[in-house]
Each structure stands twice: as structure tokens, then as C-alpha cells.
Amino acid sequence: MKQMIDDIKRQHADVATRNKAEADSWYQNKLLELDNDKVRQSDELRNAKNELADLNRHLQRMRSDMDGLQNQ
């Protein structure tokens, strides 16, 4: 009887160890995935800001050209 109880305890401990390892692995993968998403979104935001700045400079040049043409 004692051996059966010991076997059940060992099996329970093995299952708990595997579950913890799987949970830790899932957690680490999620952290990595979120970090990769953060980097990608930061890059996209920087690119969008650069594009907006370029468009604003282009608009300013066009307004300046238009003002120059109107003053002729």
C-alpha cells in the first residue's frame, strides 16, 4: 500500500514538474513574442513619423513655390 502511495506521489510530482516547465516555456515564448511585436511596432512608428516629416517638408516647399508664383 505504501508503495502505491509513493508511486502516486512520484507521478503527481512528475506531472507537476512537466506542467511547470511547459508553463515557463509558454511564458518565455509569449515574452519574446511581445518583445518582437514591440520592436516591429516601434520601427513602424518611426517610419510613419519619418514619412510624415517628409510629407510636411514637401508641402512646405509646394506652398513656398505657390507663394513665389503668386508674387510674380
PDB file of N, CA and C in Angstrom:
ATOM      1  N   MET A   1       0.821  -1.191   0.000  1.00  0.00           N
ATOM      2  CA  MET A   1       0.000   0.000   0.000  1.00  0.00           C
ATOM      3  C   MET A   1       0.868   1.258   0.000  1.00  0.00           C
ATOM      4  N   LYS A   2       1.904   1.249   0.846  1.00  0.00           N
ATOM      5  CA  LYS A   2       2.795   2.404   0.916  1.00  0.00           C
ATOM      6  C   LYS A   2       3.463   2.637  -0.433  1.00  0.00           C
ATOM      7  N   GLN A   3       3.849   1.573  -1.092  1.00  0.00           N
ATOM      8  CA  GLN A   3       4.497   1.704  -2.404  1.00  0.00           C
ATOM      9  C   GLN A   3       3.543   2.343  -3.413  1.00  0.00           C
ATOM     10  N   MET A   4       2.277   1.988  -3.359  1.00  0.00           N
ATOM     11  CA  MET A   4       1.288   2.571  -4.267  1.00  0.00           C
ATOM     12  C   MET A   4       1.160   4.074  -4.030  1.00  0.00           C
ATOM     13  N   ILE A   5       1.135   4.441  -2.762  1.00  0.00           N
ATOM     14  CA  ILE A   5       1.037   5.864  -2.411  1.00  0.00           C
ATOM     15  C   ILE A   5       2.284   6.606  -2.880  1.00  0.00           C
ATOM     16  N   ASP A   6       3.450   6.000  -2.658  1.00  0.00           N
ATOM     17  CA  ASP A   6       4.700   6.616  -3.112  1.00  0.00           C
ATOM     18  C   ASP A   6       4.724   6.766  -4.633  1.00  0.00           C
ATOM     19  N   ASP A   7       4.232   5.758  -5.341  1.00  0.00           N
ATOM     20  CA  ASP A   7       4.174   5.830  -6.809  1.00  0.00           C
ATOM     21  C   ASP A   7       3.251   6.959  -7.265  1.00  0.00           C
ATOM     22  N   ILE A   8       2.115   7.075  -6.615  1.00  0.00           N
ATOM     23  CA  ILE A   8       1.166   8.142  -6.971  1.00  0.00           C
ATOM     24  C   ILE A   8       1.775   9.511  -6.687  1.00  0.00           C
ATOM     25  N   LYS A   9       2.455   9.644  -5.547  1.00  0.00           N
ATOM     26  CA  LYS A   9       3.117  10.909  -5.217  1.00  0.00           C
ATOM     27  C   LYS A   9       4.177  11.251  -6.260  1.00  0.00           C
ATOM     28  N   ARG A  10       4.952  10.255  -6.670  1.00  0.00           N
ATOM     29  CA  ARG A  10       6.005  10.468  -7.666  1.00  0.00           C
ATOM     30  C   ARG A  10       5.384  10.882  -9.008  1.00  0.00           C
ATOM     31  N   GLN A  11       4.316  10.190  -9.395  1.00  0.00           N
ATOM     32  CA  GLN A  11       3.640  10.541 -10.648  1.00  0.00           C
ATOM     33  C   GLN A  11       3.097  11.970 -10.589  1.00  0.00           C
ATOM     34  N   HIS A  12       2.524  12.309  -9.457  1.00  0.00           N
ATOM     35  CA  HIS A  12       1.992  13.661  -9.274  1.00  0.00           C
ATOM     36  C   HIS A  12       3.118  14.686  -9.377  1.00  0.00           C
ATOM     37  N   ALA A  13       4.231  14.408  -8.738  1.00  0.00           N
ATOM     38  CA  ALA A  13       5.376  15.319  -8.791  1.00  0.00           C
ATOM     39  C   ALA A  13       5.903  15.445 -10.222  1.00  0.00           C
ATOM     40  N   ASP A  14       5.953  14.339 -10.951  1.00  0.00           N
ATOM     41  CA  ASP A  14       6.407  14.372 -12.349  1.00  0.00           C
ATOM     42  C   ASP A  14       5.480  15.227 -13.208  1.00  0.00           C
ATOM     43  N   VAL A  15       4.181  15.040 -13.028  1.00  0.00           N
ATOM     44  CA  VAL A  15       3.200  15.829 -13.792  1.00  0.00           C
ATOM     45  C   VAL A  15       3.337  17.309 -13.438  1.00  0.00           C
ATOM     46  N   ALA A  16       3.479  17.607 -12.165  1.00  0.00           N
ATOM     47  CA  ALA A  16       3.618  18.997 -11.731  1.00  0.00           C
ATOM     48  C   ALA A  16       4.883  19.625 -12.319  1.00  0.00           C
ATOM     49  N   THR A  17       5.971  18.870 -12.335  1.00  0.00           N
ATOM     50  CA  THR A  17       7.229  19.371 -12.899  1.00  0.00           C
ATOM     51  C   THR A  17       7.082  19.648 -14.390  1.00  0.00           C
ATOM     52  N   ARG A  18       6.450  18.725 -15.118  1.00  0.00           N
ATOM     53  CA  ARG A  18       6.233  18.919 -16.560  1.00  0.00           C
ATOM     54  C   ARG A  18       5.328  20.127 -16.819  1.00  0.00           C
ATOM     55  N   ASN A  19       4.264  20.236 -16.032  1.00  0.00           N
ATOM     56  CA  ASN A  19       3.344  21.363 -16.208  1.00  0.00           C
ATOM     57  C   ASN A  19       4.038  22.692 -15.951  1.00  0.00           C
ATOM     58  N   LYS A  20       4.878  22.727 -14.923  1.00  0.00           N
ATOM     59  CA  LYS A  20       5.608  23.961 -14.625  1.00  0.00           C
ATOM     60  C   LYS A  20       6.566  24.294 -15.758  1.00  0.00           C
ATOM     61  N   ALA A  21       7.260  23.301 -16.272  1.00  0.00           N
ATOM     62  CA  ALA A  21       8.198  23.530 -17.376  1.00  0.00           C
ATOM     63  C   ALA A  21       7.454  24.031 -18.615  1.00  0.00           C
ATOM     64  N   GLU A  22       6.301  23.440 -18.896  1.00  0.00           N
ATOM     65  CA  GLU A  22       5.510  23.883 -20.049  1.00  0.00           C
ATOM     66  C   GLU A  22       5.011  25.309 -19.855  1.00  0.00           C
ATOM     67  N   ALA A  23       4.557  25.625 -18.652  1.00  0.00           N
ATOM     68  CA  ALA A  23       4.077  26.978 -18.359  1.00  0.00           C
ATOM     69  C   ALA A  23       5.219  27.985 -18.473  1.00  0.00           C
ATOM     70  N   ASP A  24       6.383  27.639 -17.949  1.00  0.00           N
ATOM     71  CA  ASP A  24       7.544  28.526 -18.049  1.00  0.00           C
ATOM     72  C   ASP A  24       7.936  28.748 -19.507  1.00  0.00           C
ATOM     73  N   SER A  25       7.919  27.688 -20.285  1.00  0.00           N
ATOM     74  CA  SER A  25       8.260  27.789 -21.703  1.00  0.00           C
ATOM     75  C   SER A  25       7.253  28.668 -22.433  1.00  0.00           C
ATOM     76  N   TRP A  26       5.974  28.470 -22.178  1.00  0.00           N
ATOM     77  CA  TRP A  26       4.929  29.281 -22.804  1.00  0.00           C
ATOM     78  C   TRP A  26       5.116  30.750 -22.445  1.00  0.00           C
ATOM     79  N   TYR A  27       5.391  31.011 -21.161  1.00  0.00           N
ATOM     80  CA  TYR A  27       5.585  32.376 -20.679  1.00  0.00           C
ATOM     81  C   TYR A  27       6.779  33.033 -21.373  1.00  0.00           C
ATOM     82  N   GLN A  28       7.890  32.324 -21.464  1.00  0.00           N
ATOM     83  CA  GLN A  28       9.075  32.870 -22.123  1.00  0.00           C
ATOM     84  C   GLN A  28       8.801  33.142 -23.602  1.00  0.00           C
ATOM     85  N   ASN A  29       8.087  32.230 -24.266  1.00  0.00           N
ATOM     86  CA  ASN A  29       7.741  32.440 -25.674  1.00  0.00           C
ATOM     87  C   ASN A  29       6.838  33.655 -25.844  1.00  0.00           C
ATOM     88  N   LYS A  30       5.885  33.832 -24.942  1.00  0.00           N
ATOM     89  CA  LYS A  30       4.995  34.997 -25.009  1.00  0.00           C
ATOM     90  C   LYS A  30       5.785  36.283 -24.806  1.00  0.00           C
ATOM     91  N   LEU A  31       6.714  36.281 -23.848  1.00  0.00           N
ATOM     92  CA  LEU A  31       7.536  37.469 -23.625  1.00  0.00           C
ATOM     93  C   LEU A  31       8.349  37.808 -24.870  1.00  0.00           C
ATOM     94  N   LEU A  32       8.934  36.800 -25.492  1.00  0.00           N
ATOM     95  CA  LEU A  32       9.710  37.009 -26.708  1.00  0.00           C
ATOM     96  C   LEU A  32       8.821  37.537 -27.827  1.00  0.00           C
ATOM     97  N   GLU A  33       7.643  36.971 -27.961  1.00  0.00           N
ATOM     98  CA  GLU A  33       6.701  37.410 -28.991  1.00  0.00           C
ATOM     99  C   GLU A  33       6.292  38.868 -28.769  1.00  0.00           C
ATOM    100  N   LEU A  34       6.006  39.224 -27.527  1.00  0.00           N
ATOM    101  CA  LEU A  34       5.626  40.601 -27.216  1.00  0.00           C
ATOM    102  C   LEU A  34       6.782  41.561 -27.455  1.00  0.00           C
ATOM    103  N   ASP A  35       7.984  41.138 -27.119  1.00  0.00           N
ATOM    104  CA  ASP A  35       9.155  41.979 -27.353  1.00  0.00           C
ATOM    105  C   ASP A  35       9.366  42.193 -28.849  1.00  0.00           C
ATOM    106  N   ASN A  36       9.208  41.136 -29.635  1.00  0.00           N
ATOM    107  CA  ASN A  36       9.341  41.266 -31.087  1.00  0.00           C
ATOM    108  C   ASN A  36       8.269  42.189 -31.653  1.00  0.00           C
ATOM    109  N   ASP A  37       7.042  42.079 -31.136  1.00  0.00           N
ATOM    110  CA  ASP A  37       5.962  42.969 -31.568  1.00  0.00           C
ATOM    111  C   ASP A  37       6.288  44.419 -31.230  1.00  0.00           C
ATOM    112  N   LYS A  38       6.847  44.626 -30.042  1.00  0.00           N
ATOM    113  CA  LYS A  38       7.197  45.980 -29.615  1.00  0.00           C
ATOM    114  C   LYS A  38       8.243  46.579 -30.549  1.00  0.00           C
ATOM    115  N   VAL A  39       9.250  45.805 -30.898  1.00  0.00           N
ATOM    116  CA  VAL A  39      10.302  46.280 -31.801  1.00  0.00           C
ATOM    117  C   VAL A  39       9.715  46.599 -33.171  1.00  0.00           C
ATOM    118  N   ARG A  40       8.874  45.703 -33.685  1.00  0.00           N
ATOM    119  CA  ARG A  40       8.266  45.906 -35.001  1.00  0.00           C
ATOM    120  C   ARG A  40       7.388  47.157 -35.001  1.00  0.00           C
ATOM    121  N   GLN A  41       6.584  47.325 -33.964  1.00  0.00           N
ATOM    122  CA  GLN A  41       5.702  48.480 -33.897  1.00  0.00           C
ATOM    123  C   GLN A  41       6.494  49.769 -33.717  1.00  0.00           C
ATOM    124  N   SER A  42       7.578  49.716 -32.978  1.00  0.00           N
ATOM    125  CA  SER A  42       8.435  50.894 -32.830  1.00  0.00           C
ATOM    126  C   SER A  42       9.041  51.282 -34.173  1.00  0.00           C
ATOM    127  N   ASP A  43       9.476  50.288 -34.940  1.00  0.00           N
ATOM    128  CA  ASP A  43      10.017  50.552 -36.276  1.00  0.00           C
ATOM    129  C   ASP A  43       8.952  51.161 -37.179  1.00  0.00           C
ATOM    130  N   GLU A  44       7.745  50.603 -37.140  1.00  0.00           N
ATOM    131  CA  GLU A  44       6.658  51.122 -37.967  1.00  0.00           C
ATOM    132  C   GLU A  44       6.314  52.553 -37.580  1.00  0.00           C
ATOM    133  N   LEU A  45       6.296  52.839 -36.289  1.00  0.00           N
ATOM    134  CA  LEU A  45       6.002  54.192 -35.824  1.00  0.00           C
ATOM    135  C   LEU A  45       7.083  55.165 -36.273  1.00  0.00           C
ATOM    136  N   ARG A  46       8.346  54.771 -36.142  1.00  0.00           N
ATOM    137  CA  ARG A  46       9.446  55.631 -36.577  1.00  0.00           C
ATOM    138  C   ARG A  46       9.351  55.896 -38.077  1.00  0.00           C
ATOM    139  N   ASN A  47       9.055  54.860 -38.853  1.00  0.00           N
ATOM    140  CA  ASN A  47       8.920  55.037 -40.300  1.00  0.00           C
ATOM    141  C   ASN A  47       7.757  55.959 -40.641  1.00  0.00           C
ATOM    142  N   ALA A  48       6.643  55.818 -39.932  1.00  0.00           N
ATOM    143  CA  ALA A  48       5.485  56.683 -40.174  1.00  0.00           C
ATOM    144  C   ALA A  48       5.819  58.131 -39.826  1.00  0.00           C
ATOM    145  N   LYS A  49       6.538  58.346 -38.731  1.00  0.00           N
ATOM    146  CA  LYS A  49       6.933  59.708 -38.353  1.00  0.00           C
ATOM    147  C   LYS A  49       7.871  60.308 -39.396  1.00  0.00           C
ATOM    148  N   ASN A  50       8.812  59.501 -39.893  1.00  0.00           N
ATOM    149  CA  ASN A  50       9.727  59.991 -40.930  1.00  0.00           C
ATOM    150  C   ASN A  50       8.969  60.343 -42.205  1.00  0.00           C
ATOM    151  N   GLU A  51       8.021  59.500 -42.581  1.00  0.00           N
ATOM    152  CA  GLU A  51       7.229  59.771 -43.782  1.00  0.00           C
ATOM    153  C   GLU A  51       6.402  61.038 -43.604  1.00  0.00           C
ATOM    154  N   LEU A  52       5.820  61.221 -42.427  1.00  0.00           N
ATOM    155  CA  LEU A  52       5.050  62.427 -42.149  1.00  0.00           C
ATOM    156  C   LEU A  52       5.937  63.667 -42.219  1.00  0.00           C
ATOM    157  N   ALA A  53       7.134  63.586 -41.668  1.00  0.00           N
ATOM    158  CA  ALA A  53       8.061  64.718 -41.727  1.00  0.00           C
ATOM    159  C   ALA A  53       8.429  65.028 -43.176  1.00  0.00           C
ATOM    160  N   ASP A  54       8.672  63.996 -43.986  1.00  0.00           N
ATOM    161  CA  ASP A  54       8.974  64.203 -45.409  1.00  0.00           C
ATOM    162  C   ASP A  54       7.805  64.868 -46.118  1.00  0.00           C
ATOM    163  N   LEU A  55       6.607  64.405 -45.853  1.00  0.00           N
ATOM    164  CA  LEU A  55       5.420  64.990 -46.485  1.00  0.00           C
ATOM    165  C   LEU A  55       5.222  66.438 -46.049  1.00  0.00           C
ATOM    166  N   ASN A  56       5.487  66.735 -44.782  1.00  0.00           N
ATOM    167  CA  ASN A  56       5.369  68.118 -44.305  1.00  0.00           C
ATOM    168  C   ASN A  56       6.397  69.020 -44.981  1.00  0.00           C
ATOM    169  N   ARG A  57       7.623  68.515 -45.171  1.00  0.00           N
ATOM    170  CA  ARG A  57       8.645  69.311 -45.869  1.00  0.00           C
ATOM    171  C   ARG A  57       8.235  69.541 -47.326  1.00  0.00           C
ATOM    172  N   HIS A  58       7.719  68.512 -47.958  1.00  0.00           N
ATOM    173  CA  HIS A  58       7.270  68.626 -49.345  1.00  0.00           C
ATOM    174  C   HIS A  58       6.121  69.633 -49.449  1.00  0.00           C
ATOM    175  N   LEU A  59       5.180  69.570 -48.526  1.00  0.00           N
ATOM    176  CA  LEU A  59       4.066  70.514 -48.508  1.00  0.00           C
ATOM    177  C   LEU A  59       4.572  71.940 -48.319  1.00  0.00           C
ATOM    178  N   GLN A  60       5.534  72.112 -47.435  1.00  0.00           N
ATOM    179  CA  GLN A  60       6.089  73.451 -47.194  1.00  0.00           C
ATOM    180  C   GLN A  60       6.771  73.984 -48.453  1.00  0.00           C
ATOM    181  N   ARG A  61       7.517  73.126 -49.161  1.00  0.00           N
ATOM    182  CA  ARG A  61       8.156  73.554 -50.416  1.00  0.00           C
ATOM    183  C   ARG A  61       7.108  73.934 -51.455  1.00  0.00           C
ATOM    184  N   MET A  62       6.045  73.148 -51.537  1.00  0.00           N
ATOM    185  CA  MET A  62       4.991  73.444 -52.505  1.00  0.00           C
ATOM    186  C   MET A  62       4.300  74.763 -52.179  1.00  0.00           C
ATOM    187  N   ARG A  63       4.058  75.029 -50.908  1.00  0.00           N
ATOM    188  CA  ARG A  63       3.446  76.303 -50.503  1.00  0.00           C
ATOM    189  C   ARG A  63       4.379  77.464 -50.825  1.00  0.00           C
ATOM    190  N   SER A  64       5.659  77.245 -50.570  1.00  0.00           N
ATOM    191  CA  SER A  64       6.639  78.289 -50.872  1.00  0.00           C
ATOM    192  C   SER A  64       6.683  78.555 -52.372  1.00  0.00           C
ATOM    193  N   ASP A  65       6.679  77.494 -53.179  1.00  0.00           N
ATOM    194  CA  ASP A  65       6.663  77.656 -54.638  1.00  0.00           C
ATOM    195  C   ASP A  65       5.395  78.373 -55.083  1.00  0.00           C
ATOM    196  N   MET A  66       4.266  78.012 -54.491  1.00  0.00           N
ATOM    197  CA  MET A  66       2.996  78.628 -54.852  1.00  0.00           C
ATOM    198  C   MET A  66       3.006  80.112 -54.489  1.00  0.00           C
ATOM    199  N   ASP A  67       3.545  80.447 -53.315  1.00  0.00           N
ATOM    200  CA  ASP A  67       3.650  81.854 -52.914  1.00  0.00           C
ATOM    201  C   ASP A  67       4.545  82.616 -53.879  1.00  0.00           C
ATOM    202  N   GLY A  68       5.632  81.977 -54.295  1.00  0.00           N
ATOM    203  CA  GLY A  68       6.541  82.619 -55.249  1.00  0.00           C
ATOM    204  C   GLY A  68       5.865  82.865 -56.582  1.00  0.00           C
ATOM    205  N   LEU A  69       5.079  81.931 -57.045  1.00  0.00           N
ATOM    206  CA  LEU A  69       4.368  82.097 -58.315  1.00  0.00           C
ATOM    207  C   LEU A  69       3.290  83.165 -58.213  1.00  0.00           C
ATOM    208  N   GLN A  70       2.631  83.257 -57.073  1.00  0.00           N
ATOM    209  CA  GLN A  70       1.579  84.260 -56.901  1.00  0.00           C
ATOM    210  C   GLN A  70       2.167  85.665 -56.831  1.00  0.00           C
ATOM    211  N   ASN A  71       3.394  85.793 -56.370  1.00  0.00           N
ATOM    212  CA  ASN A  71       4.030  87.106 -56.231  1.00  0.00           C
ATOM    213  C   ASN A  71       4.696  87.577 -57.511  1.00  0.00           C
ATOM    214  N   GLN A  72       4.658  86.772 -58.559  1.00  0.00           N
ATOM    215  CA  GLN A  72       5.296  87.191 -59.817  1.00  0.00           C
ATOM    216  C   GLN A  72       4.438  88.153 -60.569  1.00  0.00           C
TER     217      GLN A  72
END
